[in-house]
Amino acid sequence: MQFFVSVIHDKANSGTDEEMAAIDAFNETLVAGGHWVFAGGLSDPATATVIDGREGPALFTDGPFVETKEFVAGFWVWEAADLDVALKLAAAGSKACNRRLEVRPFL
C-alpha cells in the first residue's frame, strides 16, 4: 500500500540544521527499509494559485484555497505493508522533523 504523509506546520522552509539532519537520517531509514517512494517540501501558501475550471473558463486565484494558520509544508509518499506500519513510520518521522504529520492511504 502507498500512503501520503503530510507535514503540518505554520511556517514554510523553517527547518533548523538539526531538524534537516534528522530528516536526512530518517529518509535513509525509509530507503533502507524499502518504504521510500518520494518526498518534497512545499513553498509558502502565499505562492499558491487555485484554479477552478468547473464552470466556464478557468478562474485563477492567487493564494491558498483556504485561510488557515497551519498548512502542508511538505510531504512523503511511502510504501508500507499496512496502516500500522505507516503509523509507526510516521511516529518516527514526526520526531525527526519536529512537526505533526497526517497519514492517508491512497485509494
PDB file of N, CA and C in Angstrom:
ATOM      1  N   MET A   1       0.835  -1.185   0.000  1.00  0.00           N
ATOM      2  CA  MET A   1       0.000   0.000   0.000  1.00  0.00           C
ATOM      3  C   MET A   1       0.880   1.249   0.000  1.00  0.00           C
ATOM      4  N   GLN A   2       0.360   2.281  -0.606  1.00  0.00           N
ATOM      5  CA  GLN A   2       1.073   3.554  -0.555  1.00  0.00           C
ATOM      6  C   GLN A   2       0.299   4.542   0.302  1.00  0.00           C
ATOM      7  N   PHE A   3       1.058   5.420   0.976  1.00  0.00           N
ATOM      8  CA  PHE A   3       0.492   6.395   1.894  1.00  0.00           C
ATOM      9  C   PHE A   3       1.035   7.775   1.582  1.00  0.00           C
ATOM     10  N   PHE A   4       0.156   8.768   1.651  1.00  0.00           N
ATOM     11  CA  PHE A   4       0.536  10.166   1.520  1.00  0.00           C
ATOM     12  C   PHE A   4       0.673  10.711   2.935  1.00  0.00           C
ATOM     13  N   VAL A   5       1.836  11.234   3.255  1.00  0.00           N
ATOM     14  CA  VAL A   5       2.127  11.709   4.598  1.00  0.00           C
ATOM     15  C   VAL A   5       2.391  13.209   4.529  1.00  0.00           C
ATOM     16  N   SER A   6       1.472  13.989   5.083  1.00  0.00           N
ATOM     17  CA  SER A   6       1.577  15.450   5.069  1.00  0.00           C
ATOM     18  C   SER A   6       2.338  15.929   6.294  1.00  0.00           C
ATOM     19  N   VAL A   7       3.261  16.852   6.078  1.00  0.00           N
ATOM     20  CA  VAL A   7       3.965  17.519   7.175  1.00  0.00           C
ATOM     21  C   VAL A   7       3.212  18.818   7.442  1.00  0.00           C
ATOM     22  N   ILE A   8       2.705  18.970   8.666  1.00  0.00           N
ATOM     23  CA  ILE A   8       1.855  20.102   9.013  1.00  0.00           C
ATOM     24  C   ILE A   8       2.653  21.094   9.857  1.00  0.00           C
ATOM     25  N   HIS A   9       2.645  22.359   9.417  1.00  0.00           N
ATOM     26  CA  HIS A   9       3.390  23.377  10.156  1.00  0.00           C
ATOM     27  C   HIS A   9       2.779  24.746   9.878  1.00  0.00           C
ATOM     28  N   ASP A  10       3.263  25.763  10.567  1.00  0.00           N
ATOM     29  CA  ASP A  10       2.741  27.114  10.358  1.00  0.00           C
ATOM     30  C   ASP A  10       3.763  28.055   9.725  1.00  0.00           C
ATOM     31  N   LYS A  11       4.903  27.503   9.300  1.00  0.00           N
ATOM     32  CA  LYS A  11       5.929  28.288   8.609  1.00  0.00           C
ATOM     33  C   LYS A  11       6.499  27.439   7.471  1.00  0.00           C
ATOM     34  N   ALA A  12       6.814  28.081   6.366  1.00  0.00           N
ATOM     35  CA  ALA A  12       7.435  27.386   5.242  1.00  0.00           C
ATOM     36  C   ALA A  12       8.949  27.466   5.360  1.00  0.00           C
ATOM     37  N   ASN A  13       9.631  26.426   4.910  1.00  0.00           N
ATOM     38  CA  ASN A  13      11.091  26.413   4.841  1.00  0.00           C
ATOM     39  C   ASN A  13      11.719  26.833   6.166  1.00  0.00           C
ATOM     40  N   SER A  14      11.240  26.258   7.272  1.00  0.00           N
ATOM     41  CA  SER A  14      11.682  26.699   8.592  1.00  0.00           C
ATOM     42  C   SER A  14      12.524  25.664   9.326  1.00  0.00           C
ATOM     43  N   GLY A  15      12.919  24.596   8.650  1.00  0.00           N
ATOM     44  CA  GLY A  15      13.691  23.547   9.318  1.00  0.00           C
ATOM     45  C   GLY A  15      15.057  24.045   9.773  1.00  0.00           C
ATOM     46  N   THR A  16      15.402  23.731  11.010  1.00  0.00           N
ATOM     47  CA  THR A  16      16.737  24.072  11.510  1.00  0.00           C
ATOM     48  C   THR A  16      17.752  23.093  10.935  1.00  0.00           C
ATOM     49  N   ASP A  17      19.026  23.395  11.086  1.00  0.00           N
ATOM     50  CA  ASP A  17      20.069  22.481  10.617  1.00  0.00           C
ATOM     51  C   ASP A  17      19.938  21.122  11.296  1.00  0.00           C
ATOM     52  N   GLU A  18      19.614  21.122  12.598  1.00  0.00           N
ATOM     53  CA  GLU A  18      19.456  19.865  13.337  1.00  0.00           C
ATOM     54  C   GLU A  18      18.260  19.073  12.817  1.00  0.00           C
ATOM     55  N   GLU A  19      17.150  19.758  12.548  1.00  0.00           N
ATOM     56  CA  GLU A  19      15.967  19.083  12.013  1.00  0.00           C
ATOM     57  C   GLU A  19      16.256  18.518  10.631  1.00  0.00           C
ATOM     58  N   MET A  20      16.945  19.277   9.802  1.00  0.00           N
ATOM     59  CA  MET A  20      17.255  18.799   8.448  1.00  0.00           C
ATOM     60  C   MET A  20      18.151  17.564   8.496  1.00  0.00           C
ATOM     61  N   ALA A  21      19.111  17.545   9.413  1.00  0.00           N
ATOM     62  CA  ALA A  21      19.978  16.372   9.569  1.00  0.00           C
ATOM     63  C   ALA A  21      19.163  15.171  10.043  1.00  0.00           C
ATOM     64  N   ALA A  22      18.241  15.393  10.966  1.00  0.00           N
ATOM     65  CA  ALA A  22      17.393  14.297  11.457  1.00  0.00           C
ATOM     66  C   ALA A  22      16.475  13.781  10.350  1.00  0.00           C
ATOM     67  N   ILE A  23      15.955  14.675   9.525  1.00  0.00           N
ATOM     68  CA  ILE A  23      15.109  14.263   8.398  1.00  0.00           C
ATOM     69  C   ILE A  23      15.921  13.450   7.406  1.00  0.00           C
ATOM     70  N   ASP A  24      17.142  13.892   7.094  1.00  0.00           N
ATOM     71  CA  ASP A  24      18.009  13.130   6.176  1.00  0.00           C
ATOM     72  C   ASP A  24      18.267  11.726   6.714  1.00  0.00           C
ATOM     73  N   ALA A  25      18.540  11.615   8.008  1.00  0.00           N
ATOM     74  CA  ALA A  25      18.785  10.303   8.612  1.00  0.00           C
ATOM     75  C   ALA A  25      17.521   9.454   8.560  1.00  0.00           C
ATOM     76  N   PHE A  26      16.366  10.051   8.844  1.00  0.00           N
ATOM     77  CA  PHE A  26      15.097   9.319   8.769  1.00  0.00           C
ATOM     78  C   PHE A  26      14.842   8.849   7.343  1.00  0.00           C
ATOM     79  N   ASN A  27      15.082   9.723   6.362  1.00  0.00           N
ATOM     80  CA  ASN A  27      14.891   9.340   4.959  1.00  0.00           C
ATOM     81  C   ASN A  27      15.774   8.154   4.587  1.00  0.00           C
ATOM     82  N   GLU A  28      16.984   8.123   5.098  1.00  0.00           N
ATOM     83  CA  GLU A  28      17.879   6.984   4.830  1.00  0.00           C
ATOM     84  C   GLU A  28      17.293   5.690   5.382  1.00  0.00           C
ATOM     85  N   THR A  29      16.627   5.746   6.550  1.00  0.00           N
ATOM     86  CA  THR A  29      15.992   4.534   7.088  1.00  0.00           C
ATOM     87  C   THR A  29      14.802   4.117   6.229  1.00  0.00           C
ATOM     88  N   LEU A  30      14.084   5.102   5.668  1.00  0.00           N
ATOM     89  CA  LEU A  30      12.986   4.768   4.762  1.00  0.00           C
ATOM     90  C   LEU A  30      13.496   4.048   3.525  1.00  0.00           C
ATOM     91  N   VAL A  31      14.582   4.557   2.953  1.00  0.00           N
ATOM     92  CA  VAL A  31      15.171   3.923   1.769  1.00  0.00           C
ATOM     93  C   VAL A  31      15.648   2.512   2.108  1.00  0.00           C
ATOM     94  N   ALA A  32      16.370   2.383   3.210  1.00  0.00           N
ATOM     95  CA  ALA A  32      16.906   1.078   3.608  1.00  0.00           C
ATOM     96  C   ALA A  32      15.799   0.066   3.877  1.00  0.00           C
ATOM     97  N   GLY A  33      14.667   0.534   4.385  1.00  0.00           N
ATOM     98  CA  GLY A  33      13.555  -0.357   4.698  1.00  0.00           C
ATOM     99  C   GLY A  33      12.620  -0.617   3.528  1.00  0.00           C
ATOM    100  N   GLY A  34      12.899  -0.015   2.380  1.00  0.00           N
ATOM    101  CA  GLY A  34      12.050  -0.213   1.208  1.00  0.00           C
ATOM    102  C   GLY A  34      10.753   0.581   1.246  1.00  0.00           C
ATOM    103  N   HIS A  35      10.677   1.610   2.081  1.00  0.00           N
ATOM    104  CA  HIS A  35       9.452   2.400   2.222  1.00  0.00           C
ATOM    105  C   HIS A  35       9.459   3.679   1.392  1.00  0.00           C
ATOM    106  N   TRP A  36      10.630   4.135   0.973  1.00  0.00           N
ATOM    107  CA  TRP A  36      10.767   5.407   0.264  1.00  0.00           C
ATOM    108  C   TRP A  36      10.138   5.328  -1.120  1.00  0.00           C
ATOM    109  N   VAL A  37       9.263   6.271  -1.447  1.00  0.00           N
ATOM    110  CA  VAL A  37       8.751   6.427  -2.804  1.00  0.00           C
ATOM    111  C   VAL A  37       9.136   7.812  -3.316  1.00  0.00           C
ATOM    112  N   PHE A  38       8.766   8.861  -2.552  1.00  0.00           N
ATOM    113  CA  PHE A  38       9.008  10.227  -2.998  1.00  0.00           C
ATOM    114  C   PHE A  38       8.759  11.171  -1.827  1.00  0.00           C
ATOM    115  N   ALA A  39       9.401  12.334  -1.842  1.00  0.00           N
ATOM    116  CA  ALA A  39       9.161  13.339  -0.808  1.00  0.00           C
ATOM    117  C   ALA A  39       9.502  14.719  -1.357  1.00  0.00           C
ATOM    118  N   GLY A  40       8.997  15.747  -0.693  1.00  0.00           N
ATOM    119  CA  GLY A  40       9.330  17.105  -1.093  1.00  0.00           C
ATOM    120  C   GLY A  40       8.806  18.124  -0.112  1.00  0.00           C
ATOM    121  N   GLY A  41       9.466  19.262  -0.083  1.00  0.00           N
ATOM    122  CA  GLY A  41       8.991  20.401   0.687  1.00  0.00           C
ATOM    123  C   GLY A  41       8.196  21.310  -0.234  1.00  0.00           C
ATOM    124  N   LEU A  42       7.319  22.102   0.350  1.00  0.00           N
ATOM    125  CA  LEU A  42       6.469  22.985  -0.439  1.00  0.00           C
ATOM    126  C   LEU A  42       6.737  24.439  -0.081  1.00  0.00           C
ATOM    127  N   SER A  43       6.577  25.314  -1.060  1.00  0.00           N
ATOM    128  CA  SER A  43       6.714  26.753  -0.843  1.00  0.00           C
ATOM    129  C   SER A  43       5.587  27.259   0.042  1.00  0.00           C
ATOM    130  N   ASP A  44       5.738  28.470   0.522  1.00  0.00           N
ATOM    131  CA  ASP A  44       4.731  29.121   1.344  1.00  0.00           C
ATOM    132  C   ASP A  44       3.383  29.149   0.611  1.00  0.00           C
ATOM    133  N   PRO A  45       2.269  28.976   1.327  1.00  0.00           N
ATOM    134  CA  PRO A  45       0.959  29.007   0.675  1.00  0.00           C
ATOM    135  C   PRO A  45       0.686  30.288  -0.111  1.00  0.00           C
ATOM    136  N   ALA A  46       1.330  31.379   0.245  1.00  0.00           N
ATOM    137  CA  ALA A  46       1.132  32.631  -0.492  1.00  0.00           C
ATOM    138  C   ALA A  46       1.573  32.508  -1.944  1.00  0.00           C
ATOM    139  N   THR A  47       2.390  31.508  -2.266  1.00  0.00           N
ATOM    140  CA  THR A  47       2.845  31.310  -3.645  1.00  0.00           C
ATOM    141  C   THR A  47       1.887  30.446  -4.456  1.00  0.00           C
ATOM    142  N   ALA A  48       0.823  29.952  -3.815  1.00  0.00           N
ATOM    143  CA  ALA A  48      -0.116  29.046  -4.474  1.00  0.00           C
ATOM    144  C   ALA A  48      -1.029  29.779  -5.449  1.00  0.00           C
ATOM    145  N   THR A  49      -1.505  29.040  -6.432  1.00  0.00           N
ATOM    146  CA  THR A  49      -2.547  29.502  -7.336  1.00  0.00           C
ATOM    147  C   THR A  49      -3.643  28.443  -7.347  1.00  0.00           C
ATOM    148  N   VAL A  50      -4.872  28.867  -7.129  1.00  0.00           N
ATOM    149  CA  VAL A  50      -6.024  27.968  -7.161  1.00  0.00           C
ATOM    150  C   VAL A  50      -6.706  28.128  -8.512  1.00  0.00           C
ATOM    151  N   ILE A  51      -6.989  26.998  -9.169  1.00  0.00           N
ATOM    152  CA  ILE A  51      -7.629  27.007 -10.481  1.00  0.00           C
ATOM    153  C   ILE A  51      -8.980  26.321 -10.361  1.00  0.00           C
ATOM    154  N   ASP A  52     -10.040  27.011 -10.794  1.00  0.00           N
ATOM    155  CA  ASP A  52     -11.382  26.438 -10.788  1.00  0.00           C
ATOM    156  C   ASP A  52     -11.914  26.458 -12.215  1.00  0.00           C
ATOM    157  N   GLY A  53     -11.900  25.303 -12.844  1.00  0.00           N
ATOM    158  CA  GLY A  53     -12.380  25.184 -14.214  1.00  0.00           C
ATOM    159  C   GLY A  53     -13.692  24.436 -14.305  1.00  0.00           C
ATOM    160  N   ARG A  54     -14.445  24.411 -13.216  1.00  0.00           N
ATOM    161  CA  ARG A  54     -15.685  23.627 -13.193  1.00  0.00           C
ATOM    162  C   ARG A  54     -16.788  24.225 -14.054  1.00  0.00           C
ATOM    163  N   GLU A  55     -16.867  25.534 -14.130  1.00  0.00           N
ATOM    164  CA  GLU A  55     -17.938  26.186 -14.878  1.00  0.00           C
ATOM    165  C   GLU A  55     -17.347  27.275 -15.756  1.00  0.00           C
ATOM    166  N   GLY A  56     -17.479  27.142 -17.050  1.00  0.00           N
ATOM    167  CA  GLY A  56     -16.981  28.153 -17.968  1.00  0.00           C
ATOM    168  C   GLY A  56     -15.460  28.175 -18.010  1.00  0.00           C
ATOM    169  N   PRO A  57     -14.904  29.333 -18.398  1.00  0.00           N
ATOM    170  CA  PRO A  57     -13.447  29.452 -18.463  1.00  0.00           C
ATOM    171  C   PRO A  57     -12.820  29.274 -17.074  1.00  0.00           C
ATOM    172  N   ALA A  58     -11.627  28.750 -17.041  1.00  0.00           N
ATOM    173  CA  ALA A  58     -10.939  28.542 -15.766  1.00  0.00           C
ATOM    174  C   ALA A  58     -10.708  29.869 -15.066  1.00  0.00           C
ATOM    175  N   LEU A  59     -10.946  29.857 -13.750  1.00  0.00           N
ATOM    176  CA  LEU A  59     -10.721  31.027 -12.914  1.00  0.00           C
ATOM    177  C   LEU A  59      -9.456  30.790 -12.107  1.00  0.00           C
ATOM    178  N   PHE A  60      -8.489  31.683 -12.187  1.00  0.00           N
ATOM    179  CA  PHE A  60      -7.216  31.580 -11.481  1.00  0.00           C
ATOM    180  C   PHE A  60      -7.209  32.584 -10.331  1.00  0.00           C
ATOM    181  N   THR A  61      -6.938  32.096  -9.114  1.00  0.00           N
ATOM    182  CA  THR A  61      -6.936  32.943  -7.923  1.00  0.00           C
ATOM    183  C   THR A  61      -5.616  32.763  -7.197  1.00  0.00           C
ATOM    184  N   ASP A  62      -4.979  33.872  -6.827  1.00  0.00           N
ATOM    185  CA  ASP A  62      -3.738  33.795  -6.059  1.00  0.00           C
ATOM    186  C   ASP A  62      -4.021  33.354  -4.634  1.00  0.00           C
ATOM    187  N   GLY A  63      -3.074  32.618  -4.070  1.00  0.00           N
ATOM    188  CA  GLY A  63      -3.148  32.249  -2.665  1.00  0.00           C
ATOM    189  C   GLY A  63      -3.769  30.886  -2.436  1.00  0.00           C
ATOM    190  N   PRO A  64      -3.730  30.440  -1.192  1.00  0.00           N
ATOM    191  CA  PRO A  64      -4.227  29.101  -0.855  1.00  0.00           C
ATOM    192  C   PRO A  64      -5.750  29.025  -0.992  1.00  0.00           C
ATOM    193  N   PHE A  65      -6.277  27.803  -1.101  1.00  0.00           N
ATOM    194  CA  PHE A  65      -7.718  27.639  -1.268  1.00  0.00           C
ATOM    195  C   PHE A  65      -8.478  27.852   0.039  1.00  0.00           C
ATOM    196  N   VAL A  66      -7.796  27.804   1.173  1.00  0.00           N
ATOM    197  CA  VAL A  66      -8.414  28.112   2.464  1.00  0.00           C
ATOM    198  C   VAL A  66      -7.450  28.976   3.270  1.00  0.00           C
ATOM    199  N   GLU A  67      -7.992  29.814   4.108  1.00  0.00           N
ATOM    200  CA  GLU A  67      -7.177  30.603   5.029  1.00  0.00           C
ATOM    201  C   GLU A  67      -7.055  29.802   6.319  1.00  0.00           C
ATOM    202  N   THR A  68      -5.844  29.510   6.722  1.00  0.00           N
ATOM    203  CA  THR A  68      -5.610  28.726   7.924  1.00  0.00           C
ATOM    204  C   THR A  68      -4.247  29.056   8.492  1.00  0.00           C
ATOM    205  N   LYS A  69      -4.075  28.833   9.775  1.00  0.00           N
ATOM    206  CA  LYS A  69      -2.784  29.100  10.407  1.00  0.00           C
ATOM    207  C   LYS A  69      -1.771  28.033  10.012  1.00  0.00           C
ATOM    208  N   GLU A  70      -2.205  26.776   9.980  1.00  0.00           N
ATOM    209  CA  GLU A  70      -1.308  25.676   9.626  1.00  0.00           C
ATOM    210  C   GLU A  70      -1.592  25.217   8.201  1.00  0.00           C
ATOM    211  N   PHE A  71      -0.598  24.623   7.576  1.00  0.00           N
ATOM    212  CA  PHE A  71      -0.732  24.174   6.197  1.00  0.00           C
ATOM    213  C   PHE A  71       0.221  23.017   5.945  1.00  0.00           C
ATOM    214  N   VAL A  72       0.100  22.413   4.775  1.00  0.00           N
ATOM    215  CA  VAL A  72       1.005  21.338   4.380  1.00  0.00           C
ATOM    216  C   VAL A  72       2.315  21.978   3.943  1.00  0.00           C
ATOM    217  N   ALA A  73       3.361  21.754   4.732  1.00  0.00           N
ATOM    218  CA  ALA A  73       4.672  22.347   4.463  1.00  0.00           C
ATOM    219  C   ALA A  73       5.555  21.418   3.629  1.00  0.00           C
ATOM    220  N   GLY A  74       5.212  20.139   3.604  1.00  0.00           N
ATOM    221  CA  GLY A  74       5.962  19.155   2.847  1.00  0.00           C
ATOM    222  C   GLY A  74       5.216  17.837   2.900  1.00  0.00           C
ATOM    223  N   PHE A  75       5.795  16.828   2.264  1.00  0.00           N
ATOM    224  CA  PHE A  75       5.110  15.542   2.216  1.00  0.00           C
ATOM    225  C   PHE A  75       6.091  14.413   1.905  1.00  0.00           C
ATOM    226  N   TRP A  76       5.663  13.213   2.214  1.00  0.00           N
ATOM    227  CA  TRP A  76       6.309  11.978   1.782  1.00  0.00           C
ATOM    228  C   TRP A  76       5.248  11.117   1.110  1.00  0.00           C
ATOM    229  N   VAL A  77       5.670  10.258   0.223  1.00  0.00           N
ATOM    230  CA  VAL A  77       4.859   9.138  -0.234  1.00  0.00           C
ATOM    231  C   VAL A  77       5.631   7.896   0.159  1.00  0.00           C
ATOM    232  N   TRP A  78       5.000   7.039   0.954  1.00  0.00           N
ATOM    233  CA  TRP A  78       5.646   5.829   1.474  1.00  0.00           C
ATOM    234  C   TRP A  78       4.970   4.587   0.960  1.00  0.00           C
ATOM    235  N   GLU A  79       5.720   3.533   0.885  1.00  0.00           N
ATOM    236  CA  GLU A  79       5.220   2.185   0.638  1.00  0.00           C
ATOM    237  C   GLU A  79       5.293   1.455   1.968  1.00  0.00           C
ATOM    238  N   ALA A  80       4.172   0.889   2.415  1.00  0.00           N
ATOM    239  CA  ALA A  80       4.140   0.151   3.673  1.00  0.00           C
ATOM    240  C   ALA A  80       3.143  -1.000   3.538  1.00  0.00           C
ATOM    241  N   ALA A  81       3.392  -2.060   4.262  1.00  0.00           N
ATOM    242  CA  ALA A  81       2.542  -3.246   4.192  1.00  0.00           C
ATOM    243  C   ALA A  81       1.106  -2.948   4.613  1.00  0.00           C
ATOM    244  N   ASP A  82       0.943  -2.063   5.600  1.00  0.00           N
ATOM    245  CA  ASP A  82      -0.391  -1.734   6.096  1.00  0.00           C
ATOM    246  C   ASP A  82      -0.334  -0.435   6.884  1.00  0.00           C
ATOM    247  N   LEU A  83      -1.499  -0.004   7.364  1.00  0.00           N
ATOM    248  CA  LEU A  83      -1.592   1.256   8.092  1.00  0.00           C
ATOM    249  C   LEU A  83      -0.761   1.233   9.371  1.00  0.00           C
ATOM    250  N   ASP A  84      -0.714   0.096  10.057  1.00  0.00           N
ATOM    251  CA  ASP A  84       0.070   0.020  11.291  1.00  0.00           C
ATOM    252  C   ASP A  84       1.542   0.340  11.040  1.00  0.00           C
ATOM    253  N   VAL A  85       2.092  -0.186   9.957  1.00  0.00           N
ATOM    254  CA  VAL A  85       3.491   0.095   9.610  1.00  0.00           C
ATOM    255  C   VAL A  85       3.647   1.573   9.279  1.00  0.00           C
ATOM    256  N   ALA A  86       2.714   2.126   8.500  1.00  0.00           N
ATOM    257  CA  ALA A  86       2.788   3.541   8.128  1.00  0.00           C
ATOM    258  C   ALA A  86       2.713   4.440   9.365  1.00  0.00           C
ATOM    259  N   LEU A  87       1.874   4.080  10.326  1.00  0.00           N
ATOM    260  CA  LEU A  87       1.753   4.895  11.537  1.00  0.00           C
ATOM    261  C   LEU A  87       3.015   4.816  12.388  1.00  0.00           C
ATOM    262  N   LYS A  88       3.632   3.667  12.425  1.00  0.00           N
ATOM    263  CA  LYS A  88       4.893   3.529  13.162  1.00  0.00           C
ATOM    264  C   LYS A  88       5.981   4.392  12.510  1.00  0.00           C
ATOM    265  N   LEU A  89       6.040   4.358  11.185  1.00  0.00           N
ATOM    266  CA  LEU A  89       6.991   5.211  10.463  1.00  0.00           C
ATOM    267  C   LEU A  89       6.679   6.686  10.721  1.00  0.00           C
ATOM    268  N   ALA A  90       5.400   7.038  10.739  1.00  0.00           N
ATOM    269  CA  ALA A  90       5.001   8.433  10.943  1.00  0.00           C
ATOM    270  C   ALA A  90       5.411   8.931  12.325  1.00  0.00           C
ATOM    271  N   ALA A  91       5.336   8.074  13.322  1.00  0.00           N
ATOM    272  CA  ALA A  91       5.771   8.485  14.664  1.00  0.00           C
ATOM    273  C   ALA A  91       7.245   8.859  14.653  1.00  0.00           C
ATOM    274  N   ALA A  92       8.055   8.050  13.963  1.00  0.00           N
ATOM    275  CA  ALA A  92       9.487   8.352  13.858  1.00  0.00           C
ATOM    276  C   ALA A  92       9.721   9.587  12.992  1.00  0.00           C
ATOM    277  N   GLY A  93       8.949   9.734  11.920  1.00  0.00           N
ATOM    278  CA  GLY A  93       9.086  10.901  11.049  1.00  0.00           C
ATOM    279  C   GLY A  93       8.692  12.192  11.738  1.00  0.00           C
ATOM    280  N   SER A  94       7.643  12.144  12.552  1.00  0.00           N
ATOM    281  CA  SER A  94       7.216  13.323  13.302  1.00  0.00           C
ATOM    282  C   SER A  94       8.306  13.775  14.262  1.00  0.00           C
ATOM    283  N   LYS A  95       8.931  12.803  14.897  1.00  0.00           N
ATOM    284  CA  LYS A  95      10.028  13.123  15.814  1.00  0.00           C
ATOM    285  C   LYS A  95      11.207  13.714  15.042  1.00  0.00           C
ATOM    286  N   ALA A  96      11.536  13.132  13.892  1.00  0.00           N
ATOM    287  CA  ALA A  96      12.683  13.591  13.107  1.00  0.00           C
ATOM    288  C   ALA A  96      12.500  15.021  12.612  1.00  0.00           C
ATOM    289  N   CYS A  97      11.318  15.347  12.096  1.00  0.00           N
ATOM    290  CA  CYS A  97      11.127  16.683  11.524  1.00  0.00           C
ATOM    291  C   CYS A  97      10.555  17.677  12.529  1.00  0.00           C
ATOM    292  N   ASN A  98      10.188  17.185  13.714  1.00  0.00           N
ATOM    293  CA  ASN A  98       9.662  18.054  14.775  1.00  0.00           C
ATOM    294  C   ASN A  98       8.396  18.775  14.321  1.00  0.00           C
ATOM    295  N   ARG A  99       7.549  18.050  13.607  1.00  0.00           N
ATOM    296  CA  ARG A  99       6.285  18.582  13.094  1.00  0.00           C
ATOM    297  C   ARG A  99       5.206  17.509  13.258  1.00  0.00           C
ATOM    298  N   ARG A 100       3.934  17.949  13.225  1.00  0.00           N
ATOM    299  CA  ARG A 100       2.836  16.991  13.196  1.00  0.00           C
ATOM    300  C   ARG A 100       2.730  16.439  11.776  1.00  0.00           C
ATOM    301  N   LEU A 101       2.271  15.187  11.675  1.00  0.00           N
ATOM    302  CA  LEU A 101       2.084  14.538  10.374  1.00  0.00           C
ATOM    303  C   LEU A 101       0.656  14.033  10.251  1.00  0.00           C
ATOM    304  N   GLU A 102       0.160  13.988   9.042  1.00  0.00           N
ATOM    305  CA  GLU A 102      -1.118  13.350   8.728  1.00  0.00           C
ATOM    306  C   GLU A 102      -0.839  12.222   7.748  1.00  0.00           C
ATOM    307  N   VAL A 103      -1.339  11.024   8.027  1.00  0.00           N
ATOM    308  CA  VAL A 103      -1.127   9.847   7.180  1.00  0.00           C
ATOM    309  C   VAL A 103      -2.454   9.481   6.524  1.00  0.00           C
ATOM    310  N   ARG A 104      -2.429   9.356   5.191  1.00  0.00           N
ATOM    311  CA  ARG A 104      -3.636   8.959   4.456  1.00  0.00           C
ATOM    312  C   ARG A 104      -3.264   7.931   3.402  1.00  0.00           C
ATOM    313  N   PRO A 105      -3.985   6.812   3.358  1.00  0.00           N
ATOM    314  CA  PRO A 105      -3.723   5.829   2.302  1.00  0.00           C
ATOM    315  C   PRO A 105      -4.235   6.338   0.959  1.00  0.00           C
ATOM    316  N   PHE A 106      -3.548   5.958  -0.098  1.00  0.00           N
ATOM    317  CA  PHE A 106      -4.042   6.221  -1.441  1.00  0.00           C
ATOM    318  C   PHE A 106      -5.211   5.273  -1.701  1.00  0.00           C
ATOM    319  N   LEU A 107      -6.163   5.709  -2.516  1.00  0.00           N
ATOM    320  CA  LEU A 107      -7.281   4.846  -2.902  1.00  0.00           C
ATOM    321  C   LEU A 107      -6.815   3.783  -3.873  1.00  0.00           C
TER     322      LEU A 107
END
